[in-house]
Amino acid sequence: MENMGNVSGIDTCASERQKVGTTVAYYSEMKERNSNIEYQNSNICQEKNTFIKITQLEIMQSNANTLWIKLALLSFAFLGGMGYNLDNSTRSIYTGYATNSYATHSLLSTIQVVNAVIGVTSQIVFARLSDYFGRLKLLFTALILHIMGTIIESQAKNVQTYAADSVFWFAGYTGISLMMLLIMSDFSTLKWRLLFQYAPSLPFVIITWVVGDMANASNPVLKWSWDIGMWAFITPLSLPPLIILLFYIRFKSSKTEEWKALL
């Protein structure tokens, strides 16, 4: 009888363990299922938001299909390209004077390599996020990075700080140039796309001949800090005409029935 009691107790414990194991497996399965559902819902929301952004962009394209808007886009893109491309051309000169003032001119190549790496990686990030958040938001983000990096870079007291701050500046520069390329591509037809894409780069025809004289006239040996810092407000001042035009196109598009149906 005692043995039968022990066997019965063992069976009861085994049964309870089996129930506990079944309950744990059930809750684990439910947790995994809920996690999959949340992941699917997140993907659906992301795809929906991307679809809305792309549809809004198509509506803006249809409302920007007039001659004066096309000419304004080309002109303002040329003006904006003059600002940030001239900054980039002179910055490479001023960086040499900056590293020389720190007595670490040999690290100039290191800064250039860091900028090249940041330029490649930031292109991927900006290109991916631009479809989700929109071109204008990413353009503003890149502009903020550019201003922040320029201001801090101009006040750097050693080459380590200068190199770290150049990361923000070059990420901003890369973001601005990429957003300009995408914006001009968005608002052009296939026939004229090459002209629109190269509009921000056309200022290099002028920059090539004036950048040397500008650098010499600014006395970078003694004033390289100011020569860099002044681009914190020159570059942003070259972009408002294009930004205002894009806001106008967006405002005009928001009055259409197609736009309202997306909200």
C-alpha atoms as a PDB file:
ATOM      1  CA  MET A   1       0.000   0.000   0.000  1.00  0.00           C
ATOM      2  CA  GLU A   2       2.860   2.328   0.830  1.00  0.00           C
ATOM      3  CA  ASN A   3       4.470   1.586  -2.519  1.00  0.00           C
ATOM      4  CA  MET A   4       1.210   2.219  -4.320  1.00  0.00           C
ATOM      5  CA  GLY A   5       0.948   5.590  -2.508  1.00  0.00           C
ATOM      6  CA  ASN A   6       4.440   6.527  -3.605  1.00  0.00           C
ATOM      7  CA  VAL A   7       3.690   5.576  -7.204  1.00  0.00           C
ATOM      8  CA  SER A   8       0.480   7.593  -7.092  1.00  0.00           C
ATOM      9  CA  GLY A   9       2.389  10.609  -5.727  1.00  0.00           C
ATOM     10  CA  ILE A  10       4.977  10.307  -8.473  1.00  0.00           C
ATOM     11  CA  ASP A  11       2.261  10.126 -11.130  1.00  0.00           C
ATOM     12  CA  THR A  12       0.599  13.205  -9.662  1.00  0.00           C
ATOM     13  CA  CYS A  13       3.885  15.172  -9.709  1.00  0.00           C
ATOM     14  CA  ALA A  14       4.568  14.081 -13.272  1.00  0.00           C
ATOM     15  CA  SER A  15       1.082  15.103 -14.304  1.00  0.00           C
ATOM     16  CA  GLU A  16       1.542  18.513 -12.672  1.00  0.00           C
ATOM     17  CA  ARG A  17       4.902  18.985 -14.364  1.00  0.00           C
ATOM     18  CA  GLN A  18       3.324  18.072 -17.688  1.00  0.00           C
ATOM     19  CA  LYS A  19       0.562  20.635 -17.122  1.00  0.00           C
ATOM     20  CA  VAL A  20       3.127  23.293 -16.201  1.00  0.00           C
ATOM     21  CA  GLY A  21       5.184  22.433 -19.260  1.00  0.00           C
ATOM     22  CA  THR A  22       2.115  22.606 -21.472  1.00  0.00           C
ATOM     23  CA  THR A  23       1.135  25.972 -19.971  1.00  0.00           C
ATOM     24  CA  VAL A  24       4.635  27.395 -20.487  1.00  0.00           C
ATOM     25  CA  ALA A  25       4.712  26.153 -24.071  1.00  0.00           C
ATOM     26  CA  TYR A  26       1.273  27.669 -24.665  1.00  0.00           C
ATOM     27  CA  TYR A  27       2.285  31.073 -23.321  1.00  0.00           C
ATOM     28  CA  SER A  28       5.560  30.964 -25.270  1.00  0.00           C
ATOM     29  CA  GLU A  29       3.640  30.189 -28.451  1.00  0.00           C
ATOM     30  CA  MET A  30       1.163  32.993 -27.744  1.00  0.00           C
ATOM     31  CA  LYS A  31       4.013  35.418 -27.029  1.00  0.00           C
ATOM     32  CA  GLU A  32       5.739  34.490 -30.292  1.00  0.00           C
ATOM     33  CA  ARG A  33       2.451  34.799 -32.191  1.00  0.00           C
ATOM     34  CA  ASN A  34       1.785  38.247 -30.697  1.00  0.00           C
ATOM     35  CA  SER A  35       5.320  39.285 -31.556  1.00  0.00           C
ATOM     36  CA  ASN A  36       4.801  38.188 -35.173  1.00  0.00           C
ATOM     37  CA  ILE A  37       1.494  40.065 -35.329  1.00  0.00           C
ATOM     38  CA  GLU A  38       3.130  43.236 -33.965  1.00  0.00           C
ATOM     39  CA  TYR A  39       5.947  42.888 -36.494  1.00  0.00           C
ATOM     40  CA  GLN A  40       3.466  42.448 -39.347  1.00  0.00           C
ATOM     41  CA  ASN A  41       1.433  45.443 -38.157  1.00  0.00           C
ATOM     42  CA  SER A  42       4.616  47.511 -37.997  1.00  0.00           C
ATOM     43  CA  ASN A  43       5.496  46.532 -41.575  1.00  0.00           C
ATOM     44  CA  ILE A  44       1.965  47.333 -42.735  1.00  0.00           C
ATOM     45  CA  CYS A  45       2.113  50.786 -41.092  1.00  0.00           C
ATOM     46  CA  GLN A  46       5.519  51.452 -42.623  1.00  0.00           C
ATOM     47  CA  GLU A  47       4.359  50.387 -46.096  1.00  0.00           C
ATOM     48  CA  LYS A  48       1.213  52.499 -45.731  1.00  0.00           C
ATOM     49  CA  ASN A  49       3.211  55.566 -44.727  1.00  0.00           C
ATOM     50  CA  THR A  50       5.623  55.043 -47.630  1.00  0.00           C
ATOM     51  CA  PHE A  51       2.685  54.664 -50.031  1.00  0.00           C
ATOM     52  CA  ILE A  52       1.145  57.924 -48.763  1.00  0.00           C
ATOM     53  CA  LYS A  53       4.445  59.792 -49.159  1.00  0.00           C
ATOM     54  CA  ILE A  54       4.951  58.518 -52.691  1.00  0.00           C
ATOM     55  CA  THR A  55       1.353  59.326 -53.651  1.00  0.00           C
ATOM     56  CA  GLN A  56       1.681  62.843 -52.224  1.00  0.00           C
ATOM     57  CA  LEU A  57       4.871  63.273 -54.219  1.00  0.00           C
ATOM     58  CA  GLU A  58       3.071  62.236 -57.410  1.00  0.00           C
ATOM     59  CA  ILE A  59       0.340  64.795 -56.698  1.00  0.00           C
ATOM     60  CA  MET A  60       2.975  67.491 -56.182  1.00  0.00           C
ATOM     61  CA  GLN A  61       4.603  66.517 -59.474  1.00  0.00           C
ATOM     62  CA  SER A  62       1.335  66.991 -61.335  1.00  0.00           C
ATOM     63  CA  ASN A  63       0.853  70.430 -59.730  1.00  0.00           C
ATOM     64  CA  ALA A  64       4.396  71.529 -60.603  1.00  0.00           C
ATOM     65  CA  ASN A  65       4.058  70.827 -64.308  1.00  0.00           C
ATOM     66  CA  THR A  66       4.142  74.466 -65.443  1.00  0.00           C
ATOM     67  CA  LEU A  67       6.897  76.355 -67.253  1.00  0.00           C
ATOM     68  CA  TRP A  68       7.507  79.013 -64.594  1.00  0.00           C
ATOM     69  CA  ILE A  69       7.801  76.412 -61.823  1.00  0.00           C
ATOM     70  CA  LYS A  70      10.262  74.375 -63.895  1.00  0.00           C
ATOM     71  CA  LEU A  71      12.399  77.455 -64.589  1.00  0.00           C
ATOM     72  CA  ALA A  72      12.217  78.474 -60.929  1.00  0.00           C
ATOM     73  CA  LEU A  73      13.336  74.992 -59.854  1.00  0.00           C
ATOM     74  CA  LEU A  74      16.337  75.131 -62.161  1.00  0.00           C
ATOM     75  CA  SER A  75      17.301  78.643 -61.039  1.00  0.00           C
ATOM     76  CA  PHE A  76      16.899  77.992 -57.322  1.00  0.00           C
ATOM     77  CA  ALA A  77      18.710  74.645 -57.573  1.00  0.00           C
ATOM     78  CA  PHE A  78      21.602  76.437 -59.269  1.00  0.00           C
ATOM     79  CA  LEU A  79      21.654  79.018 -56.446  1.00  0.00           C
ATOM     80  CA  GLY A  80      21.555  76.350 -53.739  1.00  0.00           C
ATOM     81  CA  GLY A  81      24.241  74.327 -55.491  1.00  0.00           C
ATOM     82  CA  MET A  82      26.435  77.413 -55.626  1.00  0.00           C
ATOM     83  CA  GLY A  83      26.172  77.727 -51.854  1.00  0.00           C
ATOM     84  CA  TYR A  84      26.992  74.222 -50.650  1.00  0.00           C
ATOM     85  CA  ASN A  85      29.401  73.317 -53.473  1.00  0.00           C
ATOM     86  CA  LEU A  86      31.428  76.474 -52.961  1.00  0.00           C
ATOM     87  CA  ASP A  87      31.522  75.634 -49.264  1.00  0.00           C
ATOM     88  CA  ASN A  88      32.817  72.144 -50.042  1.00  0.00           C
ATOM     89  CA  SER A  89      35.464  73.459 -52.441  1.00  0.00           C
ATOM     90  CA  THR A  90      36.842  76.028 -50.003  1.00  0.00           C
ATOM     91  CA  ARG A  91      36.549  73.720 -46.985  1.00  0.00           C
ATOM     92  CA  SER A  92      39.168  71.372 -48.380  1.00  0.00           C
ATOM     93  CA  ILE A  93      41.564  74.339 -48.569  1.00  0.00           C
ATOM     94  CA  TYR A  94      40.772  75.659 -45.098  1.00  0.00           C
ATOM     95  CA  THR A  95      41.166  72.171 -43.595  1.00  0.00           C
ATOM     96  CA  GLY A  96      44.806  72.185 -44.666  1.00  0.00           C
ATOM     97  CA  TYR A  97      45.396  75.496 -42.873  1.00  0.00           C
ATOM     98  CA  ALA A  98      43.508  74.247 -39.807  1.00  0.00           C
ATOM     99  CA  THR A  99      45.607  71.092 -39.446  1.00  0.00           C
ATOM    100  CA  ASN A 100      48.740  73.164 -40.040  1.00  0.00           C
ATOM    101  CA  SER A 101      47.773  75.493 -37.182  1.00  0.00           C
ATOM    102  CA  TYR A 102      47.535  72.447 -34.902  1.00  0.00           C
ATOM    103  CA  ALA A 103      51.001  71.350 -36.102  1.00  0.00           C
ATOM    104  CA  THR A 104      49.419  68.092 -37.280  1.00  0.00           C
ATOM    105  CA  HIS A 105      49.370  68.577 -41.029  1.00  0.00           C
ATOM    106  CA  SER A 106      50.147  64.880 -41.515  1.00  0.00           C
ATOM    107  CA  LEU A 107      46.626  64.023 -40.253  1.00  0.00           C
ATOM    108  CA  LEU A 108      44.992  65.841 -43.168  1.00  0.00           C
ATOM    109  CA  SER A 109      44.693  62.586 -45.103  1.00  0.00           C
ATOM    110  CA  THR A 110      43.065  60.926 -42.079  1.00  0.00           C
ATOM    111  CA  ILE A 111      40.323  63.569 -42.007  1.00  0.00           C
ATOM    112  CA  GLN A 112      39.774  63.111 -45.741  1.00  0.00           C
ATOM    113  CA  VAL A 113      39.407  59.332 -45.320  1.00  0.00           C
ATOM    114  CA  VAL A 114      36.932  59.788 -42.452  1.00  0.00           C
ATOM    115  CA  ASN A 115      34.879  62.181 -44.584  1.00  0.00           C
ATOM    116  CA  ALA A 116      34.873  59.727 -47.479  1.00  0.00           C
ATOM    117  CA  VAL A 117      33.551  56.927 -45.248  1.00  0.00           C
ATOM    118  CA  ILE A 118      30.865  59.187 -43.784  1.00  0.00           C
ATOM    119  CA  GLY A 119      29.884  60.336 -47.266  1.00  0.00           C
ATOM    120  CA  VAL A 120      29.269  56.757 -48.442  1.00  0.00           C
ATOM    121  CA  THR A 121      27.333  55.602 -45.376  1.00  0.00           C
ATOM    122  CA  SER A 122      25.217  58.744 -45.016  1.00  0.00           C
ATOM    123  CA  GLN A 123      24.028  58.458 -48.625  1.00  0.00           C
ATOM    124  CA  ILE A 124      22.453  55.094 -47.828  1.00  0.00           C
ATOM    125  CA  VAL A 125      20.790  56.429 -44.677  1.00  0.00           C
ATOM    126  CA  PHE A 126      19.411  59.598 -46.283  1.00  0.00           C
ATOM    127  CA  ALA A 127      18.207  57.747 -49.397  1.00  0.00           C
ATOM    128  CA  ARG A 128      16.331  55.147 -47.332  1.00  0.00           C
ATOM    129  CA  LEU A 129      14.756  57.611 -44.913  1.00  0.00           C
ATOM    130  CA  SER A 130      13.725  60.080 -47.610  1.00  0.00           C
ATOM    131  CA  ASP A 131      10.979  57.740 -48.849  1.00  0.00           C
ATOM    132  CA  TYR A 132       9.598  57.355 -45.330  1.00  0.00           C
ATOM    133  CA  PHE A 133       9.881  60.895 -43.941  1.00  0.00           C
ATOM    134  CA  GLY A 134       9.886  62.906 -47.166  1.00  0.00           C
ATOM    135  CA  ARG A 135      12.511  64.955 -49.002  1.00  0.00           C
ATOM    136  CA  LEU A 136      11.940  68.258 -47.184  1.00  0.00           C
ATOM    137  CA  LYS A 137      12.323  66.818 -43.682  1.00  0.00           C
ATOM    138  CA  LEU A 138      15.569  65.104 -44.647  1.00  0.00           C
ATOM    139  CA  LEU A 139      16.779  68.308 -46.317  1.00  0.00           C
ATOM    140  CA  PHE A 140      16.179  70.219 -43.076  1.00  0.00           C
ATOM    141  CA  THR A 141      17.921  67.461 -41.097  1.00  0.00           C
ATOM    142  CA  ALA A 142      20.955  67.605 -43.382  1.00  0.00           C
ATOM    143  CA  LEU A 143      21.006  71.403 -43.136  1.00  0.00           C
ATOM    144  CA  ILE A 144      21.009  71.231 -39.328  1.00  0.00           C
ATOM    145  CA  LEU A 145      23.902  68.748 -39.379  1.00  0.00           C
ATOM    146  CA  HIS A 146      25.777  71.009 -41.787  1.00  0.00           C
ATOM    147  CA  ILE A 147      25.312  74.115 -39.616  1.00  0.00           C
ATOM    148  CA  MET A 148      26.148  72.295 -36.394  1.00  0.00           C
ATOM    149  CA  GLY A 149      29.294  70.711 -37.824  1.00  0.00           C
ATOM    150  CA  THR A 150      30.459  73.990 -39.383  1.00  0.00           C
ATOM    151  CA  ILE A 151      30.065  76.025 -36.183  1.00  0.00           C
ATOM    152  CA  ILE A 152      31.769  73.493 -33.926  1.00  0.00           C
ATOM    153  CA  GLU A 153      34.481  72.794 -36.499  1.00  0.00           C
ATOM    154  CA  SER A 154      35.354  76.475 -36.745  1.00  0.00           C
ATOM    155  CA  GLN A 155      35.851  76.613 -32.967  1.00  0.00           C
ATOM    156  CA  ALA A 156      37.855  73.395 -32.640  1.00  0.00           C
ATOM    157  CA  LYS A 157      40.972  73.722 -30.455  1.00  0.00           C
ATOM    158  CA  ASN A 158      42.702  70.524 -31.585  1.00  0.00           C
ATOM    159  CA  VAL A 159      42.747  68.211 -34.579  1.00  0.00           C
ATOM    160  CA  GLN A 160      40.772  65.474 -32.782  1.00  0.00           C
ATOM    161  CA  THR A 161      37.823  67.816 -32.242  1.00  0.00           C
ATOM    162  CA  TYR A 162      38.129  69.134 -35.780  1.00  0.00           C
ATOM    163  CA  ALA A 163      38.047  65.606 -37.230  1.00  0.00           C
ATOM    164  CA  ALA A 164      35.038  64.616 -35.092  1.00  0.00           C
ATOM    165  CA  ASP A 165      33.088  67.719 -36.094  1.00  0.00           C
ATOM    166  CA  SER A 166      33.904  67.238 -39.771  1.00  0.00           C
ATOM    167  CA  VAL A 167      31.801  64.065 -39.547  1.00  0.00           C
ATOM    168  CA  PHE A 168      28.653  66.135 -38.855  1.00  0.00           C
ATOM    169  CA  TRP A 169      29.528  68.685 -41.521  1.00  0.00           C
ATOM    170  CA  PHE A 170      30.215  66.145 -44.256  1.00  0.00           C
ATOM    171  CA  ALA A 171      27.128  64.077 -43.365  1.00  0.00           C
ATOM    172  CA  GLY A 172      25.099  67.278 -43.715  1.00  0.00           C
ATOM    173  CA  TYR A 173      26.770  68.190 -46.999  1.00  0.00           C
ATOM    174  CA  THR A 174      26.162  64.706 -48.395  1.00  0.00           C
ATOM    175  CA  GLY A 175      22.536  64.813 -47.263  1.00  0.00           C
ATOM    176  CA  ILE A 176      21.926  68.219 -48.864  1.00  0.00           C
ATOM    177  CA  SER A 177      23.473  67.227 -52.188  1.00  0.00           C
ATOM    178  CA  LEU A 178      21.565  63.917 -52.251  1.00  0.00           C
ATOM    179  CA  MET A 179      18.219  65.524 -51.366  1.00  0.00           C
ATOM    180  CA  MET A 180      18.767  68.155 -54.059  1.00  0.00           C
ATOM    181  CA  LEU A 181      19.421  65.386 -56.575  1.00  0.00           C
ATOM    182  CA  LEU A 182      16.267  63.502 -55.550  1.00  0.00           C
ATOM    183  CA  ILE A 183      14.096  66.623 -55.504  1.00  0.00           C
ATOM    184  CA  MET A 184      15.206  67.641 -58.985  1.00  0.00           C
ATOM    185  CA  SER A 185      14.633  64.093 -60.227  1.00  0.00           C
ATOM    186  CA  ASP A 186      11.144  64.026 -58.690  1.00  0.00           C
ATOM    187  CA  PHE A 187      10.030  67.196 -60.466  1.00  0.00           C
ATOM    188  CA  SER A 188      11.418  66.415 -63.913  1.00  0.00           C
ATOM    189  CA  THR A 189      10.329  64.273 -66.799  1.00  0.00           C
ATOM    190  CA  LEU A 190      12.556  61.578 -68.229  1.00  0.00           C
ATOM    191  CA  LYS A 191      13.345  63.780 -71.225  1.00  0.00           C
ATOM    192  CA  TRP A 192      14.775  66.625 -69.089  1.00  0.00           C
ATOM    193  CA  ARG A 193      15.974  64.625 -66.072  1.00  0.00           C
ATOM    194  CA  LEU A 194      19.676  64.921 -66.852  1.00  0.00           C
ATOM    195  CA  LEU A 195      19.460  68.722 -66.995  1.00  0.00           C
ATOM    196  CA  PHE A 196      17.525  68.889 -63.726  1.00  0.00           C
ATOM    197  CA  GLN A 197      19.857  66.481 -61.946  1.00  0.00           C
ATOM    198  CA  TYR A 198      22.937  68.445 -62.961  1.00  0.00           C
ATOM    199  CA  ALA A 199      21.469  71.877 -62.194  1.00  0.00           C
ATOM    200  CA  PRO A 200      22.892  71.894 -58.612  1.00  0.00           C
ATOM    201  CA  SER A 201      26.310  70.894 -60.007  1.00  0.00           C
ATOM    202  CA  LEU A 202      26.459  73.493 -62.786  1.00  0.00           C
ATOM    203  CA  PRO A 203      27.989  76.114 -60.408  1.00  0.00           C
ATOM    204  CA  PHE A 204      31.262  74.149 -60.610  1.00  0.00           C
ATOM    205  CA  VAL A 205      31.746  75.807 -63.995  1.00  0.00           C
ATOM    206  CA  ILE A 206      32.138  79.074 -62.061  1.00  0.00           C
ATOM    207  CA  ILE A 207      33.554  77.712 -58.795  1.00  0.00           C
ATOM    208  CA  THR A 208      36.564  76.178 -60.543  1.00  0.00           C
ATOM    209  CA  TRP A 209      37.799  79.637 -61.598  1.00  0.00           C
ATOM    210  CA  VAL A 210      37.030  81.623 -58.431  1.00  0.00           C
ATOM    211  CA  VAL A 211      37.708  79.282 -55.501  1.00  0.00           C
ATOM    212  CA  GLY A 212      41.457  79.941 -55.490  1.00  0.00           C
ATOM    213  CA  ASP A 213      41.090  83.730 -55.450  1.00  0.00           C
ATOM    214  CA  MET A 214      38.430  83.482 -52.728  1.00  0.00           C
ATOM    215  CA  ALA A 215      40.669  81.368 -50.530  1.00  0.00           C
ATOM    216  CA  ASN A 216      43.625  83.760 -50.932  1.00  0.00           C
ATOM    217  CA  ALA A 217      41.509  86.851 -50.293  1.00  0.00           C
ATOM    218  CA  SER A 218      40.109  85.414 -47.047  1.00  0.00           C
ATOM    219  CA  ASN A 219      43.603  85.121 -45.484  1.00  0.00           C
ATOM    220  CA  PRO A 220      43.210  81.530 -44.220  1.00  0.00           C
ATOM    221  CA  VAL A 221      46.616  81.518 -42.515  1.00  0.00           C
ATOM    222  CA  LEU A 222      45.265  83.778 -39.748  1.00  0.00           C
ATOM    223  CA  LYS A 223      41.495  83.598 -40.242  1.00  0.00           C
ATOM    224  CA  TRP A 224      40.737  79.998 -41.196  1.00  0.00           C
ATOM    225  CA  SER A 225      38.331  79.732 -38.246  1.00  0.00           C
ATOM    226  CA  TRP A 226      36.164  82.586 -39.545  1.00  0.00           C
ATOM    227  CA  ASP A 227      36.552  81.384 -43.133  1.00  0.00           C
ATOM    228  CA  ILE A 228      34.939  78.083 -42.101  1.00  0.00           C
ATOM    229  CA  GLY A 229      32.392  79.575 -39.700  1.00  0.00           C
ATOM    230  CA  MET A 230      30.909  81.996 -42.232  1.00  0.00           C
ATOM    231  CA  TRP A 231      29.481  79.063 -44.211  1.00  0.00           C
ATOM    232  CA  ALA A 232      27.177  78.310 -41.295  1.00  0.00           C
ATOM    233  CA  PHE A 233      24.941  81.108 -42.568  1.00  0.00           C
ATOM    234  CA  ILE A 234      25.994  81.476 -46.239  1.00  0.00           C
ATOM    235  CA  THR A 235      24.954  77.942 -47.211  1.00  0.00           C
ATOM    236  CA  PRO A 236      21.550  78.085 -45.442  1.00  0.00           C
ATOM    237  CA  LEU A 237      20.841  81.452 -47.107  1.00  0.00           C
ATOM    238  CA  SER A 238      21.259  79.888 -50.554  1.00  0.00           C
ATOM    239  CA  LEU A 239      18.511  77.295 -50.022  1.00  0.00           C
ATOM    240  CA  PRO A 240      15.369  79.223 -48.840  1.00  0.00           C
ATOM    241  CA  PRO A 241      14.191  80.133 -52.387  1.00  0.00           C
ATOM    242  CA  LEU A 242      14.008  76.460 -53.329  1.00  0.00           C
ATOM    243  CA  ILE A 243      12.456  75.481 -49.980  1.00  0.00           C
ATOM    244  CA  ILE A 244       9.792  78.207 -50.267  1.00  0.00           C
ATOM    245  CA  LEU A 245       8.958  77.043 -53.793  1.00  0.00           C
ATOM    246  CA  LEU A 246       8.567  73.448 -52.582  1.00  0.00           C
ATOM    247  CA  PHE A 247       6.284  74.617 -49.770  1.00  0.00           C
ATOM    248  CA  TYR A 248       4.214  76.505 -52.350  1.00  0.00           C
ATOM    249  CA  ILE A 249       3.881  73.374 -54.480  1.00  0.00           C
ATOM    250  CA  ARG A 250       2.939  71.357 -51.396  1.00  0.00           C
ATOM    251  CA  PHE A 251       0.348  73.954 -50.334  1.00  0.00           C
ATOM    252  CA  LYS A 252      -1.125  73.997 -53.850  1.00  0.00           C
ATOM    253  CA  SER A 253      -1.260  70.199 -53.900  1.00  0.00           C
ATOM    254  CA  SER A 254      -2.901  69.981 -50.464  1.00  0.00           C
ATOM    255  CA  LYS A 255      -5.992  71.731 -51.875  1.00  0.00           C
ATOM    256  CA  THR A 256      -6.671  68.924 -54.332  1.00  0.00           C
ATOM    257  CA  GLU A 257      -9.219  66.174 -53.695  1.00  0.00           C
ATOM    258  CA  GLU A 258      -6.607  63.456 -54.236  1.00  0.00           C
ATOM    259  CA  TRP A 259      -4.469  64.838 -51.406  1.00  0.00           C
ATOM    260  CA  LYS A 260      -7.413  65.164 -49.026  1.00  0.00           C
ATOM    261  CA  ALA A 261      -8.417  61.561 -49.708  1.00  0.00           C
ATOM    262  CA  LEU A 262      -5.085  60.391 -48.284  1.00  0.00           C
ATOM    263  CA  LEU A 263      -5.627  62.085 -44.920  1.00  0.00           C
END
